[in-house]
Amino acid sequence: MDYEEQLDRAIEETPDIEEAASRFDLPDPDVRQEGNVTVYENFQSTIDTLDRTEDHVMKYLQNELGTSATIDERGRLRLTGEFRRNRVQEAMDEYVDGYVICPECGLPDTRIEKENGAELLRCEACGARSAAGN
C-alpha cells in the first residue's frame, strides 16, 4: 500500500468530530409548577449527564434565572418562582456551551479546574484549556 492509499484509509477511518459530539445528549428539563415554585424533576439525571456537581449547576441556574433554589431529598431542583420549560432549557444549553463542550474540538470530555481563582475548562480529548463560562 502506497502513501496515498494509506492516507485515504486513515481519513475514512477517522471519526467525524461532529458525529462524536452528538453522543452528548442532555435530557430535556422536566419542570412543573408547585405553587410559587418550579420543580426541575429530572435535575439529577441532568447532573449525571453533565458530569458536574449539583452545586455548580444550581448556582449557575440561580444566577441565570435570577432566583434562589434548593435541592430536595429526592435530588430535584426547586426554583423559587415560575419558569417555563423553554427558559430552563435555554439556561441549561448556555451552561453546556460554557462549562461542558470544549470550544476547540467540540467534545464534552472536559473538566472544570480552578487556577488562581479562575475557572478553566480542560479538555481530556484534545488537551485544550480555556476560560470556563465563555
C-alpha atoms as a PDB file:
ATOM      1  CA  MET A   1       0.000   0.000   0.000  1.00  0.00           C
ATOM      2  CA  ASP A   2       1.455   3.358  -1.005  1.00  0.00           C
ATOM      3  CA  TYR A   3       1.249   6.596   0.950  1.00  0.00           C
ATOM      4  CA  GLU A   4      -1.870   7.936  -0.829  1.00  0.00           C
ATOM      5  CA  GLU A   5      -3.813   4.722  -0.181  1.00  0.00           C
ATOM      6  CA  GLN A   6      -2.780   4.752   3.482  1.00  0.00           C
ATOM      7  CA  LEU A   7      -3.824   8.390   3.801  1.00  0.00           C
ATOM      8  CA  ASP A   8      -7.221   7.709   2.196  1.00  0.00           C
ATOM      9  CA  ARG A   9      -7.763   4.742   4.525  1.00  0.00           C
ATOM     10  CA  ALA A  10      -6.828   6.827   7.594  1.00  0.00           C
ATOM     11  CA  ILE A  11      -9.225   9.612   6.598  1.00  0.00           C
ATOM     12  CA  GLU A  12     -12.065   7.112   6.080  1.00  0.00           C
ATOM     13  CA  GLU A  13     -11.498   5.537   9.498  1.00  0.00           C
ATOM     14  CA  THR A  14     -11.140   8.819  11.406  1.00  0.00           C
ATOM     15  CA  PRO A  15     -14.426   9.670  13.141  1.00  0.00           C
ATOM     16  CA  ASP A  16     -16.065  12.994  12.420  1.00  0.00           C
ATOM     17  CA  ILE A  17     -15.854  15.356  15.383  1.00  0.00           C
ATOM     18  CA  GLU A  18     -19.485  16.335  14.829  1.00  0.00           C
ATOM     19  CA  GLU A  19     -20.540  12.687  14.967  1.00  0.00           C
ATOM     20  CA  ALA A  20     -18.621  12.233  18.215  1.00  0.00           C
ATOM     21  CA  ALA A  21     -20.165  15.366  19.738  1.00  0.00           C
ATOM     22  CA  SER A  22     -23.646  14.042  19.023  1.00  0.00           C
ATOM     23  CA  ARG A  23     -23.057  11.318  21.626  1.00  0.00           C
ATOM     24  CA  PHE A  24     -23.717  14.023  24.233  1.00  0.00           C
ATOM     25  CA  ASP A  25     -27.461  14.344  24.667  1.00  0.00           C
ATOM     26  CA  LEU A  26     -28.750  16.494  27.508  1.00  0.00           C
ATOM     27  CA  PRO A  27     -32.193  15.369  28.724  1.00  0.00           C
ATOM     28  CA  ASP A  28     -34.948  17.954  28.242  1.00  0.00           C
ATOM     29  CA  PRO A  29     -35.842  19.591  31.552  1.00  0.00           C
ATOM     30  CA  ASP A  30     -38.942  18.068  33.117  1.00  0.00           C
ATOM     31  CA  VAL A  31     -40.325  21.054  35.030  1.00  0.00           C
ATOM     32  CA  ARG A  32     -43.658  21.592  36.737  1.00  0.00           C
ATOM     33  CA  GLN A  33     -45.218  24.282  38.880  1.00  0.00           C
ATOM     34  CA  GLU A  34     -45.882  23.652  42.538  1.00  0.00           C
ATOM     35  CA  GLY A  35     -47.432  26.857  43.825  1.00  0.00           C
ATOM     36  CA  ASN A  36     -44.760  29.572  43.695  1.00  0.00           C
ATOM     37  CA  VAL A  37     -42.002  27.029  42.997  1.00  0.00           C
ATOM     38  CA  THR A  38     -40.782  25.458  39.762  1.00  0.00           C
ATOM     39  CA  VAL A  39     -39.667  21.869  40.337  1.00  0.00           C
ATOM     40  CA  TYR A  40     -36.974  20.517  37.980  1.00  0.00           C
ATOM     41  CA  GLU A  41     -37.903  16.839  38.262  1.00  0.00           C
ATOM     42  CA  ASN A  42     -35.020  15.284  36.293  1.00  0.00           C
ATOM     43  CA  PHE A  43     -32.282  17.537  37.671  1.00  0.00           C
ATOM     44  CA  GLN A  44     -30.299  14.563  39.000  1.00  0.00           C
ATOM     45  CA  SER A  45     -30.210  12.781  35.632  1.00  0.00           C
ATOM     46  CA  THR A  46     -29.154  16.074  34.030  1.00  0.00           C
ATOM     47  CA  ILE A  47     -26.292  16.384  36.553  1.00  0.00           C
ATOM     48  CA  ASP A  48     -25.251  12.789  35.810  1.00  0.00           C
ATOM     49  CA  THR A  49     -25.186  13.527  32.068  1.00  0.00           C
ATOM     50  CA  LEU A  50     -23.203  16.752  32.550  1.00  0.00           C
ATOM     51  CA  ASP A  51     -20.746  15.123  34.987  1.00  0.00           C
ATOM     52  CA  ARG A  52     -20.731  18.319  37.031  1.00  0.00           C
ATOM     53  CA  THR A  53     -21.524  18.986  40.692  1.00  0.00           C
ATOM     54  CA  GLU A  54     -25.076  19.794  41.772  1.00  0.00           C
ATOM     55  CA  ASP A  55     -23.906  22.998  43.443  1.00  0.00           C
ATOM     56  CA  HIS A  56     -22.133  24.315  40.337  1.00  0.00           C
ATOM     57  CA  VAL A  57     -25.164  23.826  38.081  1.00  0.00           C
ATOM     58  CA  MET A  58     -27.589  25.083  40.731  1.00  0.00           C
ATOM     59  CA  LYS A  59     -25.571  28.282  41.279  1.00  0.00           C
ATOM     60  CA  TYR A  60     -25.423  28.846  37.526  1.00  0.00           C
ATOM     61  CA  LEU A  61     -29.200  28.454  37.184  1.00  0.00           C
ATOM     62  CA  GLN A  62     -29.814  30.733  40.165  1.00  0.00           C
ATOM     63  CA  ASN A  63     -27.676  33.415  38.542  1.00  0.00           C
ATOM     64  CA  GLU A  64     -29.156  32.993  35.054  1.00  0.00           C
ATOM     65  CA  LEU A  65     -32.773  32.883  36.221  1.00  0.00           C
ATOM     66  CA  GLY A  66     -32.339  35.496  38.959  1.00  0.00           C
ATOM     67  CA  THR A  67     -33.826  33.357  41.693  1.00  0.00           C
ATOM     68  CA  SER A  68     -32.985  31.183  44.674  1.00  0.00           C
ATOM     69  CA  ALA A  69     -33.004  27.399  44.588  1.00  0.00           C
ATOM     70  CA  THR A  70     -32.586  24.324  46.743  1.00  0.00           C
ATOM     71  CA  ILE A  71     -32.109  20.644  46.059  1.00  0.00           C
ATOM     72  CA  ASP A  72     -34.629  18.447  47.850  1.00  0.00           C
ATOM     73  CA  GLU A  73     -34.104  14.987  49.327  1.00  0.00           C
ATOM     74  CA  ARG A  74     -35.139  13.347  46.025  1.00  0.00           C
ATOM     75  CA  GLY A  75     -32.488  15.250  44.039  1.00  0.00           C
ATOM     76  CA  ARG A  76     -34.965  17.626  42.411  1.00  0.00           C
ATOM     77  CA  LEU A  77     -34.097  21.278  41.984  1.00  0.00           C
ATOM     78  CA  ARG A  78     -36.682  23.632  43.453  1.00  0.00           C
ATOM     79  CA  LEU A  79     -36.527  27.107  41.885  1.00  0.00           C
ATOM     80  CA  THR A  80     -38.387  29.951  43.586  1.00  0.00           C
ATOM     81  CA  GLY A  81     -40.735  31.475  41.016  1.00  0.00           C
ATOM     82  CA  GLU A  82     -42.444  30.331  37.843  1.00  0.00           C
ATOM     83  CA  PHE A  83     -40.203  29.304  34.951  1.00  0.00           C
ATOM     84  CA  ARG A  84     -41.321  27.659  31.739  1.00  0.00           C
ATOM     85  CA  ARG A  85     -39.550  24.611  30.409  1.00  0.00           C
ATOM     86  CA  ASN A  86     -38.109  26.501  27.433  1.00  0.00           C
ATOM     87  CA  ARG A  87     -36.486  29.122  29.731  1.00  0.00           C
ATOM     88  CA  VAL A  88     -34.857  26.405  31.857  1.00  0.00           C
ATOM     89  CA  GLN A  89     -33.796  24.593  28.652  1.00  0.00           C
ATOM     90  CA  GLU A  90     -32.247  27.794  27.316  1.00  0.00           C
ATOM     91  CA  ALA A  91     -30.254  28.304  30.535  1.00  0.00           C
ATOM     92  CA  MET A  92     -29.071  24.675  30.512  1.00  0.00           C
ATOM     93  CA  ASP A  93     -27.992  24.955  26.855  1.00  0.00           C
ATOM     94  CA  GLU A  94     -25.948  28.043  27.771  1.00  0.00           C
ATOM     95  CA  TYR A  95     -24.387  26.120  30.670  1.00  0.00           C
ATOM     96  CA  VAL A  96     -23.406  23.282  28.337  1.00  0.00           C
ATOM     97  CA  ASP A  97     -21.842  25.730  25.867  1.00  0.00           C
ATOM     98  CA  GLY A  98     -19.828  27.496  28.564  1.00  0.00           C
ATOM     99  CA  TYR A  99     -18.956  24.717  31.007  1.00  0.00           C
ATOM    100  CA  VAL A 100     -19.141  21.351  29.227  1.00  0.00           C
ATOM    101  CA  ILE A 101     -18.388  21.464  25.482  1.00  0.00           C
ATOM    102  CA  CYS A 102     -14.762  22.112  24.512  1.00  0.00           C
ATOM    103  CA  PRO A 103     -14.541  25.254  22.343  1.00  0.00           C
ATOM    104  CA  GLU A 104     -11.613  23.742  20.406  1.00  0.00           C
ATOM    105  CA  CYS A 105     -12.780  20.232  19.460  1.00  0.00           C
ATOM    106  CA  GLY A 106     -16.480  20.368  20.315  1.00  0.00           C
ATOM    107  CA  LEU A 107     -16.423  17.297  22.567  1.00  0.00           C
ATOM    108  CA  PRO A 108     -17.967  17.080  26.053  1.00  0.00           C
ATOM    109  CA  ASP A 109     -14.894  15.413  27.599  1.00  0.00           C
ATOM    110  CA  THR A 110     -13.988  18.348  29.825  1.00  0.00           C
ATOM    111  CA  ARG A 111     -13.278  19.050  33.475  1.00  0.00           C
ATOM    112  CA  ILE A 112     -13.523  22.332  35.358  1.00  0.00           C
ATOM    113  CA  GLU A 113     -10.297  23.321  37.113  1.00  0.00           C
ATOM    114  CA  LYS A 114      -9.593  26.292  39.338  1.00  0.00           C
ATOM    115  CA  GLU A 115      -6.391  28.219  38.759  1.00  0.00           C
ATOM    116  CA  ASN A 116      -5.630  31.462  40.621  1.00  0.00           C
ATOM    117  CA  GLY A 117      -9.318  31.777  41.461  1.00  0.00           C
ATOM    118  CA  ALA A 118     -10.446  31.453  37.838  1.00  0.00           C
ATOM    119  CA  GLU A 119     -12.398  28.532  36.402  1.00  0.00           C
ATOM    120  CA  LEU A 120     -10.751  26.845  33.431  1.00  0.00           C
ATOM    121  CA  LEU A 121     -12.177  24.219  31.143  1.00  0.00           C
ATOM    122  CA  ARG A 122      -9.642  21.449  30.428  1.00  0.00           C
ATOM    123  CA  CYS A 123     -10.465  19.057  27.613  1.00  0.00           C
ATOM    124  CA  GLU A 124      -9.391  15.473  28.174  1.00  0.00           C
ATOM    125  CA  ALA A 125      -9.867  14.692  24.473  1.00  0.00           C
ATOM    126  CA  CYS A 126      -7.666  17.351  22.855  1.00  0.00           C
ATOM    127  CA  GLY A 127      -5.834  18.874  25.837  1.00  0.00           C
ATOM    128  CA  ALA A 128      -7.104  22.409  25.233  1.00  0.00           C
ATOM    129  CA  ARG A 129      -7.508  24.793  28.160  1.00  0.00           C
ATOM    130  CA  SER A 130      -9.861  27.751  28.009  1.00  0.00           C
ATOM    131  CA  ALA A 131     -11.748  30.057  30.320  1.00  0.00           C
ATOM    132  CA  ALA A 132     -14.933  28.389  31.548  1.00  0.00           C
ATOM    133  CA  GLY A 133     -18.239  30.130  31.040  1.00  0.00           C
ATOM    134  CA  ASN A 134     -17.406  31.835  27.764  1.00  0.00           C
END
